[in-house]
């Protein structure tokens, strides 16, 4: 009995440290360039198609901006995608149960899965923009 408790005491810091590594710095993805000649409607369609394709729910649409959320089990991620005919910018808005925190130095941290989702979404938006641009021209 003593031995198992001793092992637990030894392993607990390691488990806590491992959980902390599941956080990554939250950095909004770099702006995505829009190919020349595209209009706002085309850019909006590219953004919405990428969101829906990745399982996001569009919660609000306005001229030049789309808000969306991704919900799974007990966590939720909310983003806003601002766009015009020059670029598309994805921004973090809020989350639940994704280990979001702001350090004293202002560094924002979030569960590392979120950063992967942003990378995939950004790539999908870029590909959609290229496809729409190629078929429209």
N, C-alpha and C. Protein backbone atom coordinates (compact mmCIF):
# COMPACT_ATOMS: atom_id res chain seq x y z
N UNK A 1 0.82 -1.19 0.00
CA UNK A 1 0.00 0.00 0.00
C UNK A 1 0.87 1.26 0.00
N UNK A 2 1.89 1.24 0.87
CA UNK A 2 2.80 2.38 0.94
C UNK A 2 3.49 2.61 -0.39
N UNK A 3 3.88 1.52 -1.01
CA UNK A 3 4.59 1.60 -2.29
C UNK A 3 3.72 2.24 -3.38
N UNK A 4 2.45 1.88 -3.46
CA UNK A 4 1.57 2.45 -4.48
C UNK A 4 1.32 3.94 -4.23
N UNK A 5 1.19 4.33 -2.99
CA UNK A 5 1.02 5.76 -2.68
C UNK A 5 2.29 6.53 -3.01
N UNK A 6 3.43 5.93 -2.71
CA UNK A 6 4.70 6.56 -3.02
C UNK A 6 4.84 6.77 -4.53
N UNK A 7 4.44 5.78 -5.32
CA UNK A 7 4.51 5.91 -6.78
C UNK A 7 3.55 6.99 -7.27
N UNK A 8 2.39 7.07 -6.66
CA UNK A 8 1.43 8.10 -7.03
C UNK A 8 2.00 9.49 -6.76
N UNK A 9 2.62 9.66 -5.61
CA UNK A 9 3.23 10.95 -5.28
C UNK A 9 4.33 11.30 -6.26
N UNK A 10 5.08 10.30 -6.71
CA UNK A 10 6.15 10.54 -7.68
C UNK A 10 5.60 10.85 -9.08
N UNK A 11 4.51 10.19 -9.44
CA UNK A 11 3.96 10.36 -10.78
C UNK A 11 3.04 11.57 -10.93
N UNK A 12 2.46 12.03 -9.87
CA UNK A 12 1.53 13.15 -9.94
C UNK A 12 2.14 14.40 -10.59
N UNK A 13 3.33 14.84 -10.18
CA UNK A 13 3.92 16.01 -10.86
C UNK A 13 4.15 15.76 -12.35
N UNK A 14 4.52 14.54 -12.70
CA UNK A 14 4.74 14.22 -14.11
C UNK A 14 3.43 14.31 -14.89
N UNK A 15 2.35 13.81 -14.30
CA UNK A 15 1.04 13.90 -14.95
C UNK A 15 0.60 15.35 -15.12
N UNK A 16 0.79 16.16 -14.09
CA UNK A 16 0.42 17.57 -14.17
C UNK A 16 1.26 18.29 -15.21
N UNK A 17 2.54 17.96 -15.28
CA UNK A 17 3.42 18.56 -16.28
C UNK A 17 2.99 18.17 -17.68
N UNK A 18 2.62 16.91 -17.86
CA UNK A 18 2.16 16.44 -19.16
C UNK A 18 0.90 17.17 -19.60
N UNK A 19 -0.01 17.41 -18.65
CA UNK A 19 -1.24 18.13 -18.98
C UNK A 19 -0.92 19.56 -19.40
N UNK A 20 0.08 20.17 -18.79
CA UNK A 20 0.45 21.55 -19.14
C UNK A 20 0.99 21.61 -20.56
N UNK A 21 1.64 20.55 -21.02
CA UNK A 21 2.18 20.55 -22.37
C UNK A 21 1.10 20.50 -23.44
N UNK A 22 -0.13 20.27 -23.06
CA UNK A 22 -1.23 20.26 -24.02
C UNK A 22 -1.64 21.68 -24.41
N UNK A 23 -0.98 22.67 -23.81
CA UNK A 23 -1.25 24.06 -24.15
C UNK A 23 -0.19 24.57 -25.12
N UNK A 24 -0.62 25.44 -26.00
CA UNK A 24 0.28 26.09 -26.95
C UNK A 24 0.00 27.59 -26.92
N UNK A 25 0.97 28.39 -27.31
CA UNK A 25 0.67 29.82 -27.43
C UNK A 25 -0.44 30.04 -28.45
N UNK A 26 -1.41 30.87 -28.09
CA UNK A 26 -2.50 31.17 -29.00
C UNK A 26 -2.07 32.34 -29.87
N UNK A 27 -1.86 32.04 -31.12
CA UNK A 27 -1.48 33.07 -32.10
C UNK A 27 -2.48 32.96 -33.24
N UNK A 28 -3.19 34.04 -33.50
CA UNK A 28 -4.14 34.01 -34.62
C UNK A 28 -3.37 33.75 -35.90
N UNK A 29 -3.93 32.91 -36.80
CA UNK A 29 -3.23 32.60 -38.04
C UNK A 29 -2.91 33.86 -38.85
N UNK A 30 -1.86 33.76 -39.63
CA UNK A 30 -1.48 34.88 -40.51
C UNK A 30 -2.61 35.15 -41.49
N UNK A 31 -2.75 36.41 -41.91
CA UNK A 31 -3.80 36.72 -42.90
C UNK A 31 -3.61 35.88 -44.17
N UNK A 32 -4.71 35.49 -44.76
CA UNK A 32 -4.71 34.70 -45.99
C UNK A 32 -4.97 35.65 -47.14
N UNK A 33 -4.07 35.69 -48.11
CA UNK A 33 -4.21 36.58 -49.25
C UNK A 33 -5.34 36.12 -50.17
N UNK A 34 -6.12 37.07 -50.63
CA UNK A 34 -7.21 36.78 -51.56
C UNK A 34 -6.70 37.02 -52.98
N UNK A 35 -6.89 36.06 -53.89
CA UNK A 35 -6.45 36.26 -55.27
C UNK A 35 -7.13 37.48 -55.90
N UNK A 36 -6.41 38.14 -56.75
CA UNK A 36 -6.93 39.34 -57.42
C UNK A 36 -8.20 39.02 -58.21
N UNK A 37 -9.09 39.98 -58.23
CA UNK A 37 -10.31 39.87 -59.03
C UNK A 37 -11.49 39.23 -58.33
N UNK A 38 -11.34 38.82 -57.09
CA UNK A 38 -12.46 38.22 -56.38
C UNK A 38 -13.27 39.29 -55.68
N UNK A 39 -14.59 39.08 -55.59
CA UNK A 39 -15.44 40.03 -54.88
C UNK A 39 -15.77 39.51 -53.48
N UNK A 40 -16.41 40.35 -52.68
CA UNK A 40 -16.73 40.00 -51.29
C UNK A 40 -17.60 38.75 -51.18
N UNK A 41 -18.54 38.60 -52.10
CA UNK A 41 -19.44 37.44 -52.06
C UNK A 41 -18.65 36.16 -52.27
N UNK A 42 -17.74 36.15 -53.21
CA UNK A 42 -16.92 34.96 -53.48
C UNK A 42 -16.03 34.62 -52.27
N UNK A 43 -15.45 35.64 -51.68
CA UNK A 43 -14.59 35.42 -50.51
C UNK A 43 -15.43 34.86 -49.36
N UNK A 44 -16.61 35.42 -49.15
CA UNK A 44 -17.50 34.93 -48.10
C UNK A 44 -17.89 33.48 -48.32
N UNK A 45 -18.14 33.10 -49.57
CA UNK A 45 -18.49 31.70 -49.87
C UNK A 45 -17.31 30.77 -49.58
N UNK A 46 -16.11 31.21 -49.90
CA UNK A 46 -14.92 30.40 -49.63
C UNK A 46 -14.74 30.18 -48.13
N UNK A 47 -14.95 31.23 -47.36
CA UNK A 47 -14.82 31.15 -45.91
C UNK A 47 -15.88 30.21 -45.34
N UNK A 48 -17.13 30.42 -45.73
CA UNK A 48 -18.24 29.62 -45.19
C UNK A 48 -18.09 28.14 -45.57
N UNK A 49 -17.67 27.86 -46.79
CA UNK A 49 -17.48 26.47 -47.22
C UNK A 49 -16.39 25.79 -46.39
N UNK A 50 -15.31 26.51 -46.09
CA UNK A 50 -14.24 25.94 -45.28
C UNK A 50 -14.72 25.67 -43.86
N UNK A 51 -15.45 26.60 -43.28
CA UNK A 51 -15.98 26.42 -41.93
C UNK A 51 -16.89 25.20 -41.86
N UNK A 52 -17.85 25.14 -42.75
CA UNK A 52 -18.81 24.03 -42.75
C UNK A 52 -18.11 22.70 -43.03
N UNK A 53 -17.13 22.72 -43.92
CA UNK A 53 -16.38 21.51 -44.25
C UNK A 53 -15.60 20.94 -43.07
N UNK A 54 -15.23 21.80 -42.13
CA UNK A 54 -14.49 21.37 -40.94
C UNK A 54 -15.41 21.18 -39.72
N UNK A 55 -16.72 21.25 -39.92
CA UNK A 55 -17.66 20.98 -38.83
C UNK A 55 -18.01 22.17 -37.97
N UNK A 56 -17.63 23.38 -38.37
CA UNK A 56 -17.98 24.58 -37.62
C UNK A 56 -19.42 24.95 -37.93
N UNK A 57 -20.09 25.57 -36.97
CA UNK A 57 -21.44 26.09 -37.14
C UNK A 57 -21.34 27.60 -37.28
N UNK A 58 -21.87 28.14 -38.35
CA UNK A 58 -21.88 29.59 -38.55
C UNK A 58 -22.94 30.17 -37.63
N UNK A 59 -22.53 31.10 -36.77
CA UNK A 59 -23.45 31.68 -35.79
C UNK A 59 -23.90 33.08 -36.16
N UNK A 60 -23.14 33.76 -37.03
CA UNK A 60 -23.50 35.11 -37.43
C UNK A 60 -22.76 35.45 -38.73
N UNK A 61 -23.47 36.10 -39.63
CA UNK A 61 -22.87 36.56 -40.88
C UNK A 61 -23.22 38.02 -41.09
N UNK A 62 -22.20 38.82 -41.32
CA UNK A 62 -22.37 40.23 -41.65
C UNK A 62 -21.46 40.53 -42.82
N UNK A 63 -21.63 41.70 -43.40
CA UNK A 63 -20.75 42.09 -44.50
C UNK A 63 -19.31 42.10 -44.01
N UNK A 64 -18.48 41.25 -44.61
CA UNK A 64 -17.06 41.22 -44.27
C UNK A 64 -16.70 40.47 -43.00
N UNK A 65 -17.65 39.73 -42.41
CA UNK A 65 -17.35 39.03 -41.17
C UNK A 65 -18.28 37.83 -40.98
N UNK A 66 -17.71 36.72 -40.55
CA UNK A 66 -18.48 35.53 -40.23
C UNK A 66 -18.02 35.02 -38.88
N UNK A 67 -18.97 34.77 -37.99
CA UNK A 67 -18.66 34.18 -36.69
C UNK A 67 -19.07 32.73 -36.71
N UNK A 68 -18.29 31.88 -36.02
CA UNK A 68 -18.58 30.45 -36.03
C UNK A 68 -18.13 29.82 -34.72
N UNK A 69 -18.69 28.64 -34.45
CA UNK A 69 -18.26 27.90 -33.26
C UNK A 69 -18.17 26.43 -33.59
N UNK A 70 -17.25 25.77 -32.90
CA UNK A 70 -17.04 24.34 -33.02
C UNK A 70 -17.30 23.74 -31.65
N UNK A 71 -18.25 22.81 -31.58
CA UNK A 71 -18.62 22.21 -30.29
C UNK A 71 -18.42 20.70 -30.35
N UNK A 72 -17.76 20.19 -29.33
CA UNK A 72 -17.57 18.75 -29.19
C UNK A 72 -17.66 18.41 -27.71
N UNK A 73 -18.49 17.45 -27.38
CA UNK A 73 -18.63 17.00 -25.99
C UNK A 73 -18.74 18.17 -25.04
N UNK A 74 -17.69 18.42 -24.24
CA UNK A 74 -17.74 19.47 -23.22
C UNK A 74 -16.96 20.71 -23.57
N UNK A 75 -16.48 20.84 -24.80
CA UNK A 75 -15.72 22.04 -25.14
C UNK A 75 -16.31 22.76 -26.34
N UNK A 76 -16.02 24.05 -26.38
CA UNK A 76 -16.52 24.92 -27.44
C UNK A 76 -15.42 25.91 -27.81
N UNK A 77 -15.24 26.13 -29.10
CA UNK A 77 -14.32 27.17 -29.59
C UNK A 77 -15.13 28.13 -30.44
N UNK A 78 -14.91 29.43 -30.24
CA UNK A 78 -15.61 30.45 -31.02
C UNK A 78 -14.57 31.34 -31.72
N UNK A 79 -14.81 31.59 -33.00
CA UNK A 79 -13.91 32.44 -33.78
C UNK A 79 -14.71 33.44 -34.60
N UNK A 80 -14.00 34.45 -35.10
CA UNK A 80 -14.57 35.39 -36.05
C UNK A 80 -13.61 35.45 -37.23
N UNK A 81 -14.17 35.39 -38.43
CA UNK A 81 -13.37 35.46 -39.64
C UNK A 81 -13.74 36.76 -40.35
N UNK A 82 -12.80 37.70 -40.38
CA UNK A 82 -13.00 38.98 -41.07
C UNK A 82 -12.36 38.88 -42.46
N UNK A 83 -13.04 39.45 -43.45
CA UNK A 83 -12.50 39.34 -44.81
C UNK A 83 -12.91 40.54 -45.66
N UNK A 84 -12.11 40.76 -46.69
CA UNK A 84 -12.43 41.71 -47.74
C UNK A 84 -11.80 41.16 -49.02
N UNK A 85 -11.66 41.98 -50.04
CA UNK A 85 -11.12 41.48 -51.31
C UNK A 85 -9.59 41.40 -51.30
N UNK A 86 -8.96 41.74 -50.20
CA UNK A 86 -7.50 41.67 -50.10
C UNK A 86 -7.03 40.51 -49.23
N UNK A 87 -7.72 40.27 -48.10
CA UNK A 87 -7.26 39.23 -47.18
C UNK A 87 -8.38 38.70 -46.30
N UNK A 88 -8.10 37.53 -45.69
CA UNK A 88 -9.00 36.89 -44.74
C UNK A 88 -8.21 36.73 -43.43
N UNK A 89 -8.83 37.12 -42.31
CA UNK A 89 -8.17 37.03 -41.01
C UNK A 89 -9.04 36.25 -40.03
N UNK A 90 -8.49 35.19 -39.44
CA UNK A 90 -9.19 34.38 -38.44
C UNK A 90 -8.76 34.86 -37.06
N UNK A 91 -9.74 35.10 -36.18
CA UNK A 91 -9.44 35.59 -34.84
C UNK A 91 -10.16 34.75 -33.78
N UNK A 92 -9.44 34.45 -32.71
CA UNK A 92 -10.02 33.77 -31.55
C UNK A 92 -10.99 34.72 -30.87
N UNK A 93 -12.15 34.20 -30.44
CA UNK A 93 -13.13 34.99 -29.72
C UNK A 93 -13.29 34.48 -28.29
N UNK A 94 -13.56 33.17 -28.14
CA UNK A 94 -13.84 32.63 -26.81
C UNK A 94 -13.75 31.11 -26.88
N UNK A 95 -13.70 30.47 -25.72
CA UNK A 95 -13.72 29.01 -25.68
C UNK A 95 -14.18 28.54 -24.31
N UNK A 96 -14.58 27.28 -24.27
CA UNK A 96 -14.96 26.63 -23.02
C UNK A 96 -14.20 25.31 -22.94
N UNK A 97 -13.55 25.07 -21.81
CA UNK A 97 -12.82 23.83 -21.54
C UNK A 97 -11.67 23.56 -22.52
N UNK A 98 -11.06 24.60 -23.07
CA UNK A 98 -9.90 24.43 -23.94
C UNK A 98 -8.62 24.97 -23.31
N UNK A 99 -8.62 25.07 -21.99
CA UNK A 99 -7.44 25.49 -21.23
C UNK A 99 -6.93 26.86 -21.65
N UNK A 100 -7.83 27.75 -22.03
CA UNK A 100 -7.42 29.11 -22.41
C UNK A 100 -7.01 29.87 -21.16
N UNK A 101 -5.88 30.55 -21.25
CA UNK A 101 -5.45 31.42 -20.16
C UNK A 101 -4.51 32.49 -20.72
N UNK A 102 -4.46 33.59 -19.99
CA UNK A 102 -3.56 34.68 -20.33
C UNK A 102 -2.53 34.78 -19.21
N UNK A 103 -1.27 34.65 -19.55
CA UNK A 103 -0.19 34.74 -18.56
C UNK A 103 0.02 36.20 -18.17
N UNK A 104 0.76 36.41 -17.11
CA UNK A 104 1.04 37.77 -16.63
C UNK A 104 1.72 38.63 -17.68
N UNK A 105 2.52 38.00 -18.53
CA UNK A 105 3.23 38.76 -19.56
C UNK A 105 2.36 39.03 -20.80
N UNK A 106 1.09 38.60 -20.73
CA UNK A 106 0.17 38.84 -21.84
C UNK A 106 0.10 37.69 -22.84
N UNK A 107 0.94 36.69 -22.68
CA UNK A 107 0.92 35.53 -23.58
C UNK A 107 -0.38 34.77 -23.39
N UNK A 108 -1.05 34.50 -24.49
CA UNK A 108 -2.28 33.72 -24.45
C UNK A 108 -1.95 32.26 -24.73
N UNK A 109 -2.52 31.36 -23.95
CA UNK A 109 -2.32 29.92 -24.14
C UNK A 109 -3.67 29.25 -24.35
N UNK A 110 -3.66 28.15 -25.11
CA UNK A 110 -4.88 27.39 -25.34
C UNK A 110 -4.49 25.95 -25.63
N UNK A 111 -5.44 25.05 -25.54
CA UNK A 111 -5.19 23.64 -25.84
C UNK A 111 -4.56 23.54 -27.24
N UNK A 112 -3.56 22.70 -27.36
CA UNK A 112 -2.82 22.61 -28.63
C UNK A 112 -3.70 22.15 -29.80
N UNK A 113 -4.78 21.42 -29.54
CA UNK A 113 -5.67 21.02 -30.63
C UNK A 113 -6.25 22.23 -31.36
N UNK A 114 -6.55 23.29 -30.62
CA UNK A 114 -7.12 24.48 -31.24
C UNK A 114 -6.19 25.03 -32.32
N UNK A 115 -4.91 25.05 -32.05
CA UNK A 115 -3.96 25.60 -33.03
C UNK A 115 -3.93 24.72 -34.28
N UNK A 116 -4.09 23.42 -34.12
CA UNK A 116 -4.18 22.53 -35.28
C UNK A 116 -5.42 22.81 -36.11
N UNK A 117 -6.54 23.04 -35.41
CA UNK A 117 -7.79 23.34 -36.13
C UNK A 117 -7.65 24.61 -36.95
N UNK A 118 -6.96 25.60 -36.38
CA UNK A 118 -6.78 26.87 -37.09
C UNK A 118 -5.89 26.68 -38.32
N UNK A 119 -4.89 25.83 -38.20
CA UNK A 119 -4.01 25.56 -39.33
C UNK A 119 -4.78 24.89 -40.47
N UNK A 120 -5.59 23.89 -40.13
CA UNK A 120 -6.40 23.22 -41.14
C UNK A 120 -7.41 24.18 -41.78
N UNK A 121 -8.08 24.96 -40.95
CA UNK A 121 -9.09 25.90 -41.45
C UNK A 121 -8.46 26.93 -42.37
N UNK A 122 -7.34 27.47 -41.97
CA UNK A 122 -6.63 28.46 -42.78
C UNK A 122 -6.25 27.87 -44.14
N UNK A 123 -5.75 26.65 -44.14
CA UNK A 123 -5.40 25.97 -45.40
C UNK A 123 -6.60 25.76 -46.29
N UNK A 124 -7.72 25.35 -45.68
CA UNK A 124 -8.95 25.13 -46.45
C UNK A 124 -9.47 26.43 -47.07
N UNK A 125 -9.42 27.51 -46.32
CA UNK A 125 -9.87 28.80 -46.86
C UNK A 125 -9.00 29.19 -48.04
N UNK A 126 -7.68 29.05 -47.89
CA UNK A 126 -6.77 29.38 -48.99
C UNK A 126 -7.05 28.56 -50.23
N UNK A 127 -7.27 27.25 -50.07
CA UNK A 127 -7.57 26.39 -51.21
C UNK A 127 -8.91 26.77 -51.85
N UNK A 128 -9.92 27.05 -51.02
CA UNK A 128 -11.22 27.46 -51.56
C UNK A 128 -11.11 28.75 -52.36
N UNK A 129 -10.34 29.70 -51.86
CA UNK A 129 -10.14 30.96 -52.58
C UNK A 129 -9.51 30.70 -53.95
N UNK A 130 -8.50 29.84 -53.98
CA UNK A 130 -7.82 29.52 -55.24
C UNK A 130 -8.78 28.83 -56.21
N UNK A 131 -9.58 27.90 -55.72
CA UNK A 131 -10.53 27.19 -56.58
C UNK A 131 -11.58 28.12 -57.16
N UNK A 132 -12.15 28.97 -56.30
CA UNK A 132 -13.17 29.91 -56.78
C UNK A 132 -12.56 30.88 -57.78
N UNK A 133 -11.37 31.36 -57.50
CA UNK A 133 -10.69 32.28 -58.40
C UNK A 133 -10.42 31.63 -59.76
N UNK A 134 -10.01 30.38 -59.74
CA UNK A 134 -9.68 29.68 -60.99
C UNK A 134 -10.93 29.40 -61.82
N UNK A 135 -12.03 29.09 -61.16
CA UNK A 135 -13.25 28.77 -61.91
C UNK A 135 -13.98 30.03 -62.36
N UNK A 136 -13.77 31.15 -61.65
CA UNK A 136 -14.45 32.38 -62.02
C UNK A 136 -13.75 33.08 -63.18
N UNK A 137 -12.45 32.84 -63.31
CA UNK A 137 -11.67 33.55 -64.32
C UNK A 137 -11.62 32.83 -65.57
